[in-house]
Amino acid sequence: LIYLLLVGLCAAGGQFSITAAYSFAPSREISIY
């Protein structure tokens, strides 16, 4: 159960981080990272 909650936490962190990334810079400049 702890591992699956961590799956969800990581997934949410990934989604919000990538959304923030593309609000700072366009895809053509950072997508390769």
Full PDB file with SEQRES, HELIX, SHEET, SSBOND, CRYST1, ORIGX, SCALE, CONECT and MASTER records, all heavy atoms in Angstrom:
SEQRES   1 A   33  LEU ILE TYR LEU LEU LEU VAL GLY LEU CYS ALA ALA GLY          
SEQRES   2 A   33  GLY GLN PHE SER ILE THR ALA ALA TYR SER PHE ALA PRO          
SEQRES   3 A   33  SER ARG GLU ILE SER ILE TYR                                  
HELIX    1 AA1 ILE A    2  PHE A   24  1                                  23    
HELIX    2 AA2 SER A   27  ILE A   30  1                                   4    
CRYST1    1.000    1.000    1.000  90.00  90.00  90.00 P 1           1          
ORIGX1      1.000000  0.000000  0.000000        0.00000                         
ORIGX2      0.000000  1.000000  0.000000        0.00000                         
ORIGX3      0.000000  0.000000  1.000000        0.00000                         
SCALE1      1.000000  0.000000  0.000000        0.00000                         
SCALE2      0.000000  1.000000  0.000000        0.00000                         
SCALE3      0.000000  0.000000  1.000000        0.00000                         
ATOM      1  N   LEU A   1       0.836  -1.198   0.000  1.00  0.00           N  
ATOM      2  CA  LEU A   1       0.000   0.000   0.000  1.00  0.00           C  
ATOM      3  C   LEU A   1       0.874   1.253   0.000  1.00  0.00           C  
ATOM      4  O   LEU A   1       0.605   2.212  -0.745  1.00  0.00           O  
ATOM      5  CB  LEU A   1      -0.919  -0.001   1.223  1.00  0.00           C  
ATOM      6  CG  LEU A   1      -1.803   1.257   1.397  1.00  0.00           C  
ATOM      7  CD1 LEU A   1      -2.717   1.445   0.186  1.00  0.00           C  
ATOM      8  CD2 LEU A   1      -2.623   1.155   2.679  1.00  0.00           C  
ATOM      9  N   ILE A   2       1.925   1.248   0.802  1.00  0.00           N  
ATOM     10  CA  ILE A   2       2.835   2.402   0.853  1.00  0.00           C  
ATOM     11  C   ILE A   2       3.483   2.620  -0.517  1.00  0.00           C  
ATOM     12  O   ILE A   2       3.568   3.755  -1.011  1.00  0.00           O  
ATOM     13  CB  ILE A   2       3.912   2.200   1.935  1.00  0.00           C  
ATOM     14  CG1 ILE A   2       3.273   2.270   3.327  1.00  0.00           C  
ATOM     15  CG2 ILE A   2       5.017   3.249   1.805  1.00  0.00           C  
ATOM     16  CD1 ILE A   2       4.216   1.882   4.453  1.00  0.00           C  
ATOM     17  N   TYR A   3       3.914   1.533  -1.152  1.00  0.00           N  
ATOM     18  CA  TYR A   3       4.531   1.649  -2.474  1.00  0.00           C  
ATOM     19  C   TYR A   3       3.554   2.239  -3.492  1.00  0.00           C  
ATOM     20  O   TYR A   3       3.929   3.082  -4.326  1.00  0.00           O  
ATOM     21  CB  TYR A   3       5.025   0.285  -2.959  1.00  0.00           C  
ATOM     22  CG  TYR A   3       6.319  -0.174  -2.330  1.00  0.00           C  
ATOM     23  CD1 TYR A   3       6.519  -1.525  -2.012  1.00  0.00           C  
ATOM     24  CD2 TYR A   3       7.335   0.728  -2.048  1.00  0.00           C  
ATOM     25  CE1 TYR A   3       7.711  -1.961  -1.426  1.00  0.00           C  
ATOM     26  CE2 TYR A   3       8.532   0.301  -1.465  1.00  0.00           C  
ATOM     27  CZ  TYR A   3       8.706  -1.037  -1.157  1.00  0.00           C  
ATOM     28  OH  TYR A   3       9.877  -1.460  -0.582  1.00  0.00           O  
ATOM     29  N   LEU A   4       2.283   1.799  -3.456  1.00  0.00           N  
ATOM     30  CA  LEU A   4       1.301   2.317  -4.409  1.00  0.00           C  
ATOM     31  C   LEU A   4       0.956   3.777  -4.144  1.00  0.00           C  
ATOM     32  O   LEU A   4       0.716   4.544  -5.073  1.00  0.00           O  
ATOM     33  CB  LEU A   4       0.036   1.455  -4.382  1.00  0.00           C  
ATOM     34  CG  LEU A   4       0.176   0.061  -5.002  1.00  0.00           C  
ATOM     35  CD1 LEU A   4      -1.178  -0.638  -5.051  1.00  0.00           C  
ATOM     36  CD2 LEU A   4       0.761   0.142  -6.413  1.00  0.00           C  
ATOM     37  N   LEU A   5       0.939   4.166  -2.882  1.00  0.00           N  
ATOM     38  CA  LEU A   5       0.734   5.588  -2.571  1.00  0.00           C  
ATOM     39  C   LEU A   5       1.917   6.413  -3.075  1.00  0.00           C  
ATOM     40  O   LEU A   5       1.740   7.537  -3.568  1.00  0.00           O  
ATOM     41  CB  LEU A   5       0.545   5.781  -1.071  1.00  0.00           C  
ATOM     42  CG  LEU A   5      -0.758   5.216  -0.484  1.00  0.00           C  
ATOM     43  CD1 LEU A   5      -0.775   5.366   1.032  1.00  0.00           C  
ATOM     44  CD2 LEU A   5      -1.983   5.928  -1.095  1.00  0.00           C  
ATOM     45  N   LEU A   6       3.118   5.841  -2.987  1.00  0.00           N  
ATOM     46  CA  LEU A   6       4.304   6.518  -3.520  1.00  0.00           C  
ATOM     47  C   LEU A   6       4.266   6.581  -5.049  1.00  0.00           C  
ATOM     48  O   LEU A   6       4.749   7.551  -5.648  1.00  0.00           O  
ATOM     49  CB  LEU A   6       5.571   5.812  -3.045  1.00  0.00           C  
ATOM     50  CG  LEU A   6       5.907   6.012  -1.563  1.00  0.00           C  
ATOM     51  CD1 LEU A   6       7.057   5.095  -1.140  1.00  0.00           C  
ATOM     52  CD2 LEU A   6       6.268   7.471  -1.286  1.00  0.00           C  
ATOM     53  N   VAL A   7       3.689   5.556  -5.684  1.00  0.00           N  
ATOM     54  CA  VAL A   7       3.470   5.592  -7.132  1.00  0.00           C  
ATOM     55  C   VAL A   7       2.624   6.818  -7.497  1.00  0.00           C  
ATOM     56  O   VAL A   7       2.953   7.589  -8.403  1.00  0.00           O  
ATOM     57  CB  VAL A   7       2.773   4.303  -7.630  1.00  0.00           C  
ATOM     58  CG1 VAL A   7       2.224   4.494  -9.051  1.00  0.00           C  
ATOM     59  CG2 VAL A   7       3.738   3.126  -7.615  1.00  0.00           C  
ATOM     60  N   GLY A   8       1.512   6.981  -6.761  1.00  0.00           N  
ATOM     61  CA  GLY A   8       0.625   8.121  -7.002  1.00  0.00           C  
ATOM     62  C   GLY A   8       1.295   9.450  -6.726  1.00  0.00           C  
ATOM     63  O   GLY A   8       1.127  10.421  -7.482  1.00  0.00           O  
ATOM     64  N   LEU A   9       2.071   9.510  -5.647  1.00  0.00           N  
ATOM     65  CA  LEU A   9       2.767  10.750  -5.289  1.00  0.00           C  
ATOM     66  C   LEU A   9       3.791  11.128  -6.358  1.00  0.00           C  
ATOM     67  O   LEU A   9       3.883  12.298  -6.767  1.00  0.00           O  
ATOM     68  CB  LEU A   9       3.458  10.575  -3.934  1.00  0.00           C  
ATOM     69  CG  LEU A   9       4.037  11.838  -3.294  1.00  0.00           C  
ATOM     70  CD1 LEU A   9       2.936  12.857  -3.010  1.00  0.00           C  
ATOM     71  CD2 LEU A   9       4.784  11.488  -2.014  1.00  0.00           C  
ATOM     72  N   CYS A  10       4.549  10.146  -6.831  1.00  0.00           N  
ATOM     73  CA  CYS A  10       5.535  10.395  -7.884  1.00  0.00           C  
ATOM     74  C   CYS A  10       4.854  10.815  -9.192  1.00  0.00           C  
ATOM     75  O   CYS A  10       5.331  11.719  -9.889  1.00  0.00           O  
ATOM     76  CB  CYS A  10       6.391   9.151  -8.123  1.00  0.00           C  
ATOM     77  SG  CYS A  10       7.589   8.800  -6.828  1.00  0.00           S  
ATOM     78  N   ALA A  11       3.746  10.141  -9.524  1.00  0.00           N  
ATOM     79  CA  ALA A  11       3.022  10.474 -10.752  1.00  0.00           C  
ATOM     80  C   ALA A  11       2.499  11.903 -10.699  1.00  0.00           C  
ATOM     81  O   ALA A  11       2.612  12.652 -11.681  1.00  0.00           O  
ATOM     82  CB  ALA A  11       1.859   9.500 -10.958  1.00  0.00           C  
ATOM     83  N   ALA A  12       1.924  12.286  -9.549  1.00  0.00           N  
ATOM     84  CA  ALA A  12       1.413  13.654  -9.399  1.00  0.00           C  
ATOM     85  C   ALA A  12       2.556  14.667  -9.471  1.00  0.00           C  
ATOM     86  O   ALA A  12       2.453  15.700 -10.135  1.00  0.00           O  
ATOM     87  CB  ALA A  12       0.664  13.786  -8.072  1.00  0.00           C  
ATOM     88  N   GLY A  13       3.677  14.342  -8.794  1.00  0.00           N  
ATOM     89  CA  GLY A  13       4.843  15.228  -8.846  1.00  0.00           C  
ATOM     90  C   GLY A  13       5.355  15.394 -10.263  1.00  0.00           C  
ATOM     91  O   GLY A  13       5.716  16.497 -10.681  1.00  0.00           O  
ATOM     92  N   GLY A  14       5.361  14.289 -11.015  1.00  0.00           N  
ATOM     93  CA  GLY A  14       5.800  14.348 -12.404  1.00  0.00           C  
ATOM     94  C   GLY A  14       4.882  15.184 -13.267  1.00  0.00           C  
ATOM     95  O   GLY A  14       5.337  15.994 -14.083  1.00  0.00           O  
ATOM     96  N   GLN A  15       3.560  15.018 -13.083  1.00  0.00           N  
ATOM     97  CA  GLN A  15       2.592  15.768 -13.883  1.00  0.00           C  
ATOM     98  C   GLN A  15       2.675  17.262 -13.614  1.00  0.00           C  
ATOM     99  O   GLN A  15       2.726  18.069 -14.549  1.00  0.00           O  
ATOM    100  CB  GLN A  15       1.175  15.266 -13.579  1.00  0.00           C  
ATOM    101  CG  GLN A  15       0.826  13.958 -14.265  1.00  0.00           C  
ATOM    102  CD  GLN A  15      -0.630  13.570 -14.037  1.00  0.00           C  
ATOM    103  OE1 GLN A  15      -1.091  13.476 -12.905  1.00  0.00           O  
ATOM    104  NE2 GLN A  15      -1.352  13.350 -15.102  1.00  0.00           N  
ATOM    105  N   PHE A  16       2.707  17.635 -12.346  1.00  0.00           N  
ATOM    106  CA  PHE A  16       2.741  19.058 -12.010  1.00  0.00           C  
ATOM    107  C   PHE A  16       4.092  19.680 -12.371  1.00  0.00           C  
ATOM    108  O   PHE A  16       4.154  20.840 -12.787  1.00  0.00           O  
ATOM    109  CB  PHE A  16       2.426  19.266 -10.523  1.00  0.00           C  
ATOM    110  CG  PHE A  16       0.967  19.140 -10.203  1.00  0.00           C  
ATOM    111  CD1 PHE A  16       0.493  18.055  -9.473  1.00  0.00           C  
ATOM    112  CD2 PHE A  16       0.053  20.089 -10.642  1.00  0.00           C  
ATOM    113  CE1 PHE A  16      -0.862  17.929  -9.179  1.00  0.00           C  
ATOM    114  CE2 PHE A  16      -1.303  19.962 -10.355  1.00  0.00           C  
ATOM    115  CZ  PHE A  16      -1.766  18.887  -9.625  1.00  0.00           C  
ATOM    116  N   SER A  17       5.171  18.916 -12.255  1.00  0.00           N  
ATOM    117  CA  SER A  17       6.501  19.437 -12.595  1.00  0.00           C  
ATOM    118  C   SER A  17       6.626  19.699 -14.091  1.00  0.00           C  
ATOM    119  O   SER A  17       7.172  20.726 -14.509  1.00  0.00           O  
ATOM    120  CB  SER A  17       7.595  18.466 -12.149  1.00  0.00           C  
ATOM    121  OG  SER A  17       7.628  18.331 -10.758  1.00  0.00           O  
ATOM    122  N   ILE A  18       6.113  18.762 -14.899  1.00  0.00           N  
ATOM    123  CA  ILE A  18       6.237  18.946 -16.346  1.00  0.00           C  
ATOM    124  C   ILE A  18       5.318  20.074 -16.829  1.00  0.00           C  
ATOM    125  O   ILE A  18       5.642  20.808 -17.766  1.00  0.00           O  
ATOM    126  CB  ILE A  18       5.969  17.626 -17.104  1.00  0.00           C  
ATOM    127  CG1 ILE A  18       6.631  17.680 -18.487  1.00  0.00           C  
ATOM    128  CG2 ILE A  18       4.470  17.323 -17.232  1.00  0.00           C  
ATOM    129  CD1 ILE A  18       6.738  16.332 -19.161  1.00  0.00           C  
ATOM    130  N   THR A  19       4.173  20.246 -16.147  1.00  0.00           N  
ATOM    131  CA  THR A  19       3.287  21.375 -16.471  1.00  0.00           C  
ATOM    132  C   THR A  19       3.991  22.695 -16.156  1.00  0.00           C  
ATOM    133  O   THR A  19       3.955  23.639 -16.950  1.00  0.00           O  
ATOM    134  CB  THR A  19       1.977  21.281 -15.660  1.00  0.00           C  
ATOM    135  OG1 THR A  19       1.308  20.065 -16.002  1.00  0.00           O  
ATOM    136  CG2 THR A  19       1.061  22.455 -15.969  1.00  0.00           C  
ATOM    137  N   ALA A  20       4.660  22.747 -15.006  1.00  0.00           N  
ATOM    138  CA  ALA A  20       5.404  23.954 -14.620  1.00  0.00           C  
ATOM    139  C   ALA A  20       6.549  24.203 -15.589  1.00  0.00           C  
ATOM    140  O   ALA A  20       6.818  25.357 -15.964  1.00  0.00           O  
ATOM    141  CB  ALA A  20       5.934  23.805 -13.193  1.00  0.00           C  
ATOM    142  N   ALA A  21       7.223  23.131 -16.015  1.00  0.00           N  
ATOM    143  CA  ALA A  21       8.363  23.268 -16.925  1.00  0.00           C  
ATOM    144  C   ALA A  21       7.963  23.991 -18.204  1.00  0.00           C  
ATOM    145  O   ALA A  21       8.635  24.928 -18.647  1.00  0.00           O  
ATOM    146  CB  ALA A  21       8.940  21.887 -17.253  1.00  0.00           C  
ATOM    147  N   TYR A  22       6.834  23.573 -18.779  1.00  0.00           N  
ATOM    148  CA  TYR A  22       6.410  24.167 -20.045  1.00  0.00           C  
ATOM    149  C   TYR A  22       5.742  25.530 -19.873  1.00  0.00           C  
ATOM    150  O   TYR A  22       5.461  26.214 -20.847  1.00  0.00           O  
ATOM    151  CB  TYR A  22       5.502  23.198 -20.798  1.00  0.00           C  
ATOM    152  CG  TYR A  22       6.255  21.990 -21.330  1.00  0.00           C  
ATOM    153  CD1 TYR A  22       5.842  20.696 -21.032  1.00  0.00           C  
ATOM    154  CD2 TYR A  22       7.394  22.147 -22.096  1.00  0.00           C  
ATOM    155  CE1 TYR A  22       6.542  19.594 -21.504  1.00  0.00           C  
ATOM    156  CE2 TYR A  22       8.101  21.061 -22.573  1.00  0.00           C  
ATOM    157  CZ  TYR A  22       7.676  19.792 -22.276  1.00  0.00           C  
ATOM    158  OH  TYR A  22       8.380  18.711 -22.739  1.00  0.00           O  
ATOM    159  N   SER A  23       5.502  25.919 -18.625  1.00  0.00           N  
ATOM    160  CA  SER A  23       5.040  27.290 -18.373  1.00  0.00           C  
ATOM    161  C   SER A  23       6.230  28.248 -18.291  1.00  0.00           C  
ATOM    162  O   SER A  23       6.090  29.441 -18.525  1.00  0.00           O  
ATOM    163  CB  SER A  23       4.234  27.355 -17.062  1.00  0.00           C  
ATOM    164  OG  SER A  23       5.067  27.178 -15.938  1.00  0.00           O  
ATOM    165  N   PHE A  24       7.413  27.711 -17.996  1.00  0.00           N  
ATOM    166  CA  PHE A  24       8.626  28.534 -17.925  1.00  0.00           C  
ATOM    167  C   PHE A  24       9.301  28.678 -19.285  1.00  0.00           C  
ATOM    168  O   PHE A  24       9.881  29.712 -19.596  1.00  0.00           O  
ATOM    169  CB  PHE A  24       9.635  27.926 -16.943  1.00  0.00           C  
ATOM    170  CG  PHE A  24       9.296  28.134 -15.502  1.00  0.00           C  
ATOM    171  CD1 PHE A  24       9.178  27.051 -14.638  1.00  0.00           C  
ATOM    172  CD2 PHE A  24       9.090  29.408 -14.986  1.00  0.00           C  
ATOM    173  CE1 PHE A  24       8.870  27.231 -13.294  1.00  0.00           C  
ATOM    174  CE2 PHE A  24       8.776  29.594 -13.646  1.00  0.00           C  
ATOM    175  CZ  PHE A  24       8.664  28.511 -12.805  1.00  0.00           C  
ATOM    176  N   ALA A  25       9.252  27.623 -20.088  1.00  0.00           N  
ATOM    177  CA  ALA A  25       9.964  27.644 -21.364  1.00  0.00           C  
ATOM    178  C   ALA A  25       9.235  26.770 -22.378  1.00  0.00           C  
ATOM    179  O   ALA A  25       8.586  25.793 -22.002  1.00  0.00           O  
ATOM    180  CB  ALA A  25      11.393  27.149 -21.171  1.00  0.00           C  
ATOM    181  N   PRO A  26       9.336  27.115 -23.677  1.00  0.00           N  
ATOM    182  CA  PRO A  26       8.657  26.321 -24.706  1.00  0.00           C  
ATOM    183  C   PRO A  26       9.285  24.948 -24.875  1.00  0.00           C  
ATOM    184  O   PRO A  26      10.462  24.729 -24.550  1.00  0.00           O  
ATOM    185  CB  PRO A  26       8.822  27.171 -25.978  1.00  0.00           C  
ATOM    186  CG  PRO A  26      10.008  28.029 -25.717  1.00  0.00           C  
ATOM    187  CD  PRO A  26      10.005  28.292 -24.248  1.00  0.00           C  
ATOM    188  N   SER A  27       8.498  24.038 -25.419  1.00  0.00           N  
ATOM    189  CA  SER A  27       8.928  22.649 -25.592  1.00  0.00           C  
ATOM    190  C   SER A  27      10.225  22.552 -26.381  1.00  0.00           C  
ATOM    191  O   SER A  27      11.093  21.740 -26.063  1.00  0.00           O  
ATOM    192  CB  SER A  27       7.823  21.866 -26.304  1.00  0.00           C  
ATOM    193  OG  SER A  27       8.257  20.577 -26.658  1.00  0.00           O  
ATOM    194  N   ARG A  28      10.390  23.380 -27.411  1.00  0.00           N  
ATOM    195  CA  ARG A  28      11.561  23.272 -28.285  1.00  0.00           C  
ATOM    196  C   ARG A  28      12.873  23.525 -27.543  1.00  0.00           C  
ATOM    197  O   ARG A  28      13.938  23.121 -28.001  1.00  0.00           O  
ATOM    198  CB  ARG A  28      11.436  24.251 -29.453  1.00  0.00           C  
ATOM    199  CG  ARG A  28      11.447  25.709 -29.059  1.00  0.00           C  
ATOM    200  CD  ARG A  28      11.350  26.629 -30.265  1.00  0.00           C  
ATOM    201  NE  ARG A  28      11.366  28.021 -29.871  1.00  0.00           N  
ATOM    202  CZ  ARG A  28      10.312  28.726 -29.500  1.00  0.00           C  
ATOM    203  NH1 ARG A  28       9.120  28.140 -29.469  1.00  0.00           N  
ATOM    204  NH2 ARG A  28      10.416  29.993 -29.158  1.00  0.00           N  
ATOM    205  N   GLU A  29      12.807  24.212 -26.394  1.00  0.00           N  
ATOM    206  CA  GLU A  29      14.014  24.559 -25.654  1.00  0.00           C  
ATOM    207  C   GLU A  29      14.371  23.549 -24.566  1.00  0.00           C  
ATOM    208  O   GLU A  29      15.534  23.460 -24.166  1.00  0.00           O  
ATOM    209  CB  GLU A  29      13.869  25.950 -25.009  1.00  0.00           C  
ATOM    210  CG  GLU A  29      13.797  27.093 -26.014  1.00  0.00           C  
ATOM    211  CD  GLU A  29      13.731  28.441 -25.321  1.00  0.00           C  
ATOM    212  OE1 GLU A  29      13.769  28.490 -24.075  1.00  0.00           O  
ATOM    213  OE2 GLU A  29      13.641  29.462 -26.027  1.00  0.00           O  
ATOM    214  N   ILE A  30      13.404  22.792 -24.078  1.00  0.00           N  
ATOM    215  CA  ILE A  30      13.675  21.956 -22.899  1.00  0.00           C  
ATOM    216  C   ILE A  30      13.231  20.501 -23.030  1.00  0.00           C  
ATOM    217  O   ILE A  30      13.598  19.678 -22.185  1.00  0.00           O  
ATOM    218  CB  ILE A  30      13.013  22.558 -21.635  1.00  0.00           C  
ATOM    219  CG1 ILE A  30      11.483  22.590 -21.791  1.00  0.00           C  
ATOM    220  CG2 ILE A  30      13.564  23.941 -21.337  1.00  0.00           C  
ATOM    221  CD1 ILE A  30      10.762  23.026 -20.513  1.00  0.00           C  
ATOM    222  N   SER A  31      12.453  20.155 -24.065  1.00  0.00           N  
ATOM    223  CA  SER A  31      11.859  18.809 -24.131  1.00  0.00           C  
ATOM    224  C   SER A  31      12.910  17.707 -24.137  1.00  0.00           C  
ATOM    225  O   SER A  31      12.675  16.607 -23.620  1.00  0.00           O  
ATOM    226  CB  SER A  31      10.964  18.683 -25.362  1.00  0.00           C  
ATOM    227  OG  SER A  31      11.710  18.904 -26.548  1.00  0.00           O  
ATOM    228  N   ILE A  32      14.080  17.975 -24.695  1.00  0.00           N  
ATOM    229  CA  ILE A  32      15.103  16.942 -24.805  1.00  0.00           C  
ATOM    230  C   ILE A  32      15.553  16.452 -23.426  1.00  0.00           C  
ATOM    231  O   ILE A  32      15.961  15.292 -23.261  1.00  0.00           O  
ATOM    232  CB  ILE A  32      16.315  17.479 -25.611  1.00  0.00           C  
ATOM    233  CG1 ILE A  32      17.220  16.329 -26.034  1.00  0.00           C  
ATOM    234  CG2 ILE A  32      17.086  18.522 -24.832  1.00  0.00           C  
ATOM    235  CD1 ILE A  32      16.582  15.363 -26.987  1.00  0.00           C  
ATOM    236  N   TYR A  33      15.444  17.308 -22.414  1.00  0.00           N  
ATOM    237  CA  TYR A  33      15.899  16.929 -21.069  1.00  0.00           C  
ATOM    238  C   TYR A  33      14.982  15.884 -20.434  1.00  0.00           C  
ATOM    239  O   TYR A  33      15.368  15.255 -19.444  1.00  0.00           O  
ATOM    240  CB  TYR A  33      15.989  18.170 -20.177  1.00  0.00           C  
ATOM    241  CG  TYR A  33      17.031  19.158 -20.647  1.00  0.00           C  
ATOM    242  CD1 TYR A  33      16.671  20.256 -21.427  1.00  0.00           C  
ATOM    243  CD2 TYR A  33      18.374  18.983 -20.344  1.00  0.00           C  
ATOM    244  CE1 TYR A  33      17.624  21.152 -21.884  1.00  0.00           C  
ATOM    245  CE2 TYR A  33      19.340  19.874 -20.788  1.00  0.00           C  
ATOM    246  CZ  TYR A  33      18.954  20.961 -21.571  1.00  0.00           C  
ATOM    247  OH  TYR A  33      19.901  21.845 -22.019  1.00  0.00           O  
TER     248      TYR A  33                                                      
MASTER        0    0    0    2    0    0    0    6  247    1    0    3          
END                                                                             
